[in-house]
């Protein structure tokens, strides 16, 4: 992941990419919609609560950089290493989401790319 906000070059000036790396961008913005890449834990904690808080912090940061916020989330996809973590993950999610703004959401169990990750979150949001 790139630590600096970078806007990628594109033939379409209405398409912006943030935090562009060789393989992917952490965010793309097109026609007022923000598409985030899968956000994964940066912390070394092994418990789902800590990893969820870390991922949601990153989501919130990327949305703010893209001119949006968590109240503007249109859709969320949550991938859990172990679906048994859903209760503890939901405790963190419920405390994070603003009442009345819960987006459509899917939560599934999936094999994640790093065996230490317990969660990955993909978000689509509207710009403010």
C-alpha atoms as a PDB file:
ATOM      1  CA  UNK A   1       0.000   0.000   0.000  1.00  0.00           C
ATOM      2  CA  UNK A   2       1.165   3.476  -0.774  1.00  0.00           C
ATOM      3  CA  UNK A   3       1.299   5.845   2.178  1.00  0.00           C
ATOM      4  CA  UNK A   4       0.815   8.973   0.076  1.00  0.00           C
ATOM      5  CA  UNK A   5      -2.381   9.981  -1.633  1.00  0.00           C
ATOM      6  CA  UNK A   6      -1.753   9.612  -5.328  1.00  0.00           C
ATOM      7  CA  UNK A   7      -4.127  10.407  -8.120  1.00  0.00           C
ATOM      8  CA  UNK A   8      -3.483   8.080 -11.009  1.00  0.00           C
ATOM      9  CA  UNK A   9      -3.432   9.217 -14.588  1.00  0.00           C
ATOM     10  CA  UNK A  10      -6.333   8.236 -16.759  1.00  0.00           C
ATOM     11  CA  UNK A  11      -7.746   9.285 -20.119  1.00  0.00           C
ATOM     12  CA  UNK A  12     -11.038  10.053 -18.333  1.00  0.00           C
ATOM     13  CA  UNK A  13     -10.614  13.106 -16.071  1.00  0.00           C
ATOM     14  CA  UNK A  14     -13.770  12.206 -14.104  1.00  0.00           C
ATOM     15  CA  UNK A  15     -12.073   9.019 -12.878  1.00  0.00           C
ATOM     16  CA  UNK A  16      -9.672   9.426  -9.944  1.00  0.00           C
ATOM     17  CA  UNK A  17      -7.574   6.793  -8.206  1.00  0.00           C
ATOM     18  CA  UNK A  18      -6.147   7.232  -4.702  1.00  0.00           C
ATOM     19  CA  UNK A  19      -3.149   5.447  -3.185  1.00  0.00           C
ATOM     20  CA  UNK A  20      -2.145   3.854  -6.467  1.00  0.00           C
ATOM     21  CA  UNK A  21       0.245   0.904  -6.262  1.00  0.00           C
ATOM     22  CA  UNK A  22       1.541  -1.397  -8.981  1.00  0.00           C
ATOM     23  CA  UNK A  23      -1.216  -3.962  -8.507  1.00  0.00           C
ATOM     24  CA  UNK A  24      -4.219  -1.965  -7.260  1.00  0.00           C
ATOM     25  CA  UNK A  25      -5.542   1.374  -6.024  1.00  0.00           C
ATOM     26  CA  UNK A  26      -6.961   1.713  -2.536  1.00  0.00           C
ATOM     27  CA  UNK A  27      -9.810   3.835  -3.888  1.00  0.00           C
ATOM     28  CA  UNK A  28     -11.363   4.901  -7.157  1.00  0.00           C
ATOM     29  CA  UNK A  29     -13.870   7.720  -7.597  1.00  0.00           C
ATOM     30  CA  UNK A  30     -16.194   7.933 -10.581  1.00  0.00           C
ATOM     31  CA  UNK A  31     -19.377   9.974 -11.070  1.00  0.00           C
ATOM     32  CA  UNK A  32     -19.604  10.805  -7.366  1.00  0.00           C
ATOM     33  CA  UNK A  33     -19.214   7.207  -6.207  1.00  0.00           C
ATOM     34  CA  UNK A  34     -16.245   5.998  -4.138  1.00  0.00           C
ATOM     35  CA  UNK A  35     -15.094   2.403  -4.540  1.00  0.00           C
ATOM     36  CA  UNK A  36     -12.679   1.139  -1.889  1.00  0.00           C
ATOM     37  CA  UNK A  37     -10.404  -1.844  -2.299  1.00  0.00           C
ATOM     38  CA  UNK A  38     -10.623  -4.548   0.312  1.00  0.00           C
ATOM     39  CA  UNK A  39      -9.355  -3.080   3.572  1.00  0.00           C
ATOM     40  CA  UNK A  40      -7.416  -5.538   5.733  1.00  0.00           C
ATOM     41  CA  UNK A  41      -5.889  -5.210   9.198  1.00  0.00           C
ATOM     42  CA  UNK A  42      -2.644  -3.298   9.521  1.00  0.00           C
ATOM     43  CA  UNK A  43      -2.398  -4.054  13.242  1.00  0.00           C
ATOM     44  CA  UNK A  44      -0.770  -7.217  14.511  1.00  0.00           C
ATOM     45  CA  UNK A  45      -3.599  -8.046  16.907  1.00  0.00           C
ATOM     46  CA  UNK A  46      -5.078 -11.481  16.417  1.00  0.00           C
ATOM     47  CA  UNK A  47      -8.569 -10.936  17.839  1.00  0.00           C
ATOM     48  CA  UNK A  48     -11.472 -10.050  15.568  1.00  0.00           C
ATOM     49  CA  UNK A  49     -12.501  -7.001  17.627  1.00  0.00           C
ATOM     50  CA  UNK A  50      -9.127  -5.281  17.260  1.00  0.00           C
ATOM     51  CA  UNK A  51      -8.825  -6.202  13.599  1.00  0.00           C
ATOM     52  CA  UNK A  52     -12.353  -4.936  12.873  1.00  0.00           C
ATOM     53  CA  UNK A  53     -11.681  -1.605  14.615  1.00  0.00           C
ATOM     54  CA  UNK A  54      -8.446  -1.241  12.627  1.00  0.00           C
ATOM     55  CA  UNK A  55     -10.145  -1.980   9.298  1.00  0.00           C
ATOM     56  CA  UNK A  56     -13.077   0.374   9.989  1.00  0.00           C
ATOM     57  CA  UNK A  57     -10.604   3.121  10.947  1.00  0.00           C
ATOM     58  CA  UNK A  58      -8.954   2.661   7.547  1.00  0.00           C
ATOM     59  CA  UNK A  59     -12.320   2.676   5.758  1.00  0.00           C
ATOM     60  CA  UNK A  60     -13.258   5.920   7.475  1.00  0.00           C
ATOM     61  CA  UNK A  61      -9.891   7.489   6.594  1.00  0.00           C
ATOM     62  CA  UNK A  62     -10.096   6.490   2.913  1.00  0.00           C
ATOM     63  CA  UNK A  63     -13.684   7.725   2.646  1.00  0.00           C
ATOM     64  CA  UNK A  64     -12.718  11.102   4.089  1.00  0.00           C
ATOM     65  CA  UNK A  65      -9.816  11.380   1.627  1.00  0.00           C
ATOM     66  CA  UNK A  66     -12.258  10.632  -1.194  1.00  0.00           C
ATOM     67  CA  UNK A  67     -14.800  13.258  -0.103  1.00  0.00           C
ATOM     68  CA  UNK A  68     -17.227  10.926   1.644  1.00  0.00           C
ATOM     69  CA  UNK A  69     -17.896   9.487   5.087  1.00  0.00           C
ATOM     70  CA  UNK A  70     -19.375   6.425   6.752  1.00  0.00           C
ATOM     71  CA  UNK A  71     -22.903   7.864   6.658  1.00  0.00           C
ATOM     72  CA  UNK A  72     -22.727   7.772   2.828  1.00  0.00           C
ATOM     73  CA  UNK A  73     -21.889   4.068   2.473  1.00  0.00           C
ATOM     74  CA  UNK A  74     -24.010   2.501  -0.259  1.00  0.00           C
ATOM     75  CA  UNK A  75     -22.895  -1.106   0.152  1.00  0.00           C
ATOM     76  CA  UNK A  76     -20.499  -3.150   2.277  1.00  0.00           C
ATOM     77  CA  UNK A  77     -19.055  -6.603   1.751  1.00  0.00           C
ATOM     78  CA  UNK A  78     -17.422  -8.245   4.759  1.00  0.00           C
ATOM     79  CA  UNK A  79     -15.225 -11.322   4.465  1.00  0.00           C
ATOM     80  CA  UNK A  80     -14.477 -13.230   7.660  1.00  0.00           C
ATOM     81  CA  UNK A  81     -11.844 -15.930   8.019  1.00  0.00           C
ATOM     82  CA  UNK A  82     -14.200 -17.676  10.450  1.00  0.00           C
ATOM     83  CA  UNK A  83     -17.948 -16.975  10.367  1.00  0.00           C
ATOM     84  CA  UNK A  84     -18.001 -17.732  14.106  1.00  0.00           C
ATOM     85  CA  UNK A  85     -16.424 -14.253  14.517  1.00  0.00           C
ATOM     86  CA  UNK A  86     -19.594 -12.551  13.236  1.00  0.00           C
ATOM     87  CA  UNK A  87     -20.961 -11.745  16.700  1.00  0.00           C
ATOM     88  CA  UNK A  88     -17.795 -10.027  17.923  1.00  0.00           C
ATOM     89  CA  UNK A  89     -17.374  -8.289  14.546  1.00  0.00           C
ATOM     90  CA  UNK A  90     -20.991  -7.080  14.701  1.00  0.00           C
ATOM     91  CA  UNK A  91     -20.389  -5.613  18.173  1.00  0.00           C
ATOM     92  CA  UNK A  92     -17.651  -3.394  16.724  1.00  0.00           C
ATOM     93  CA  UNK A  93     -19.645  -2.646  13.540  1.00  0.00           C
ATOM     94  CA  UNK A  94     -22.771  -1.677  15.513  1.00  0.00           C
ATOM     95  CA  UNK A  95     -20.764   0.753  17.670  1.00  0.00           C
ATOM     96  CA  UNK A  96     -19.122   2.271  14.554  1.00  0.00           C
ATOM     97  CA  UNK A  97     -22.091   2.726  12.238  1.00  0.00           C
ATOM     98  CA  UNK A  98     -24.202   5.854  12.701  1.00  0.00           C
ATOM     99  CA  UNK A  99     -27.767   4.991  13.735  1.00  0.00           C
ATOM    100  CA  UNK A 100     -30.154   5.138  10.802  1.00  0.00           C
ATOM    101  CA  UNK A 101     -27.394   4.880   8.165  1.00  0.00           C
ATOM    102  CA  UNK A 102     -26.680   1.128   8.121  1.00  0.00           C
ATOM    103  CA  UNK A 103     -25.987   0.216   4.479  1.00  0.00           C
ATOM    104  CA  UNK A 104     -26.912  -2.954   2.636  1.00  0.00           C
ATOM    105  CA  UNK A 105     -24.330  -5.519   3.680  1.00  0.00           C
ATOM    106  CA  UNK A 106     -23.181  -9.033   2.911  1.00  0.00           C
ATOM    107  CA  UNK A 107     -21.015 -11.039   5.306  1.00  0.00           C
ATOM    108  CA  UNK A 108     -19.440 -14.325   4.271  1.00  0.00           C
ATOM    109  CA  UNK A 109     -16.723 -16.690   5.378  1.00  0.00           C
ATOM    110  CA  UNK A 110     -13.756 -16.694   3.019  1.00  0.00           C
ATOM    111  CA  UNK A 111     -10.148 -17.811   2.809  1.00  0.00           C
ATOM    112  CA  UNK A 112      -8.203 -14.538   3.063  1.00  0.00           C
ATOM    113  CA  UNK A 113      -4.836 -13.900   1.404  1.00  0.00           C
ATOM    114  CA  UNK A 114      -2.916 -13.668   4.700  1.00  0.00           C
ATOM    115  CA  UNK A 115      -3.592 -16.336   7.354  1.00  0.00           C
ATOM    116  CA  UNK A 116      -3.255 -13.708  10.123  1.00  0.00           C
ATOM    117  CA  UNK A 117      -6.147 -11.633   8.748  1.00  0.00           C
ATOM    118  CA  UNK A 118      -9.536 -12.391  10.278  1.00  0.00           C
ATOM    119  CA  UNK A 119     -11.464  -9.771   8.260  1.00  0.00           C
ATOM    120  CA  UNK A 120     -11.506  -7.887   4.962  1.00  0.00           C
ATOM    121  CA  UNK A 121     -14.040  -5.141   4.186  1.00  0.00           C
ATOM    122  CA  UNK A 122     -15.017  -3.716   0.782  1.00  0.00           C
ATOM    123  CA  UNK A 123     -17.057  -0.480   0.704  1.00  0.00           C
ATOM    124  CA  UNK A 124     -18.834   1.553  -1.954  1.00  0.00           C
ATOM    125  CA  UNK A 125     -19.998   5.044  -0.930  1.00  0.00           C
ATOM    126  CA  UNK A 126     -21.433   8.240  -2.359  1.00  0.00           C
ATOM    127  CA  UNK A 127     -19.407  11.435  -2.204  1.00  0.00           C
ATOM    128  CA  UNK A 128     -20.753  14.271  -0.095  1.00  0.00           C
END
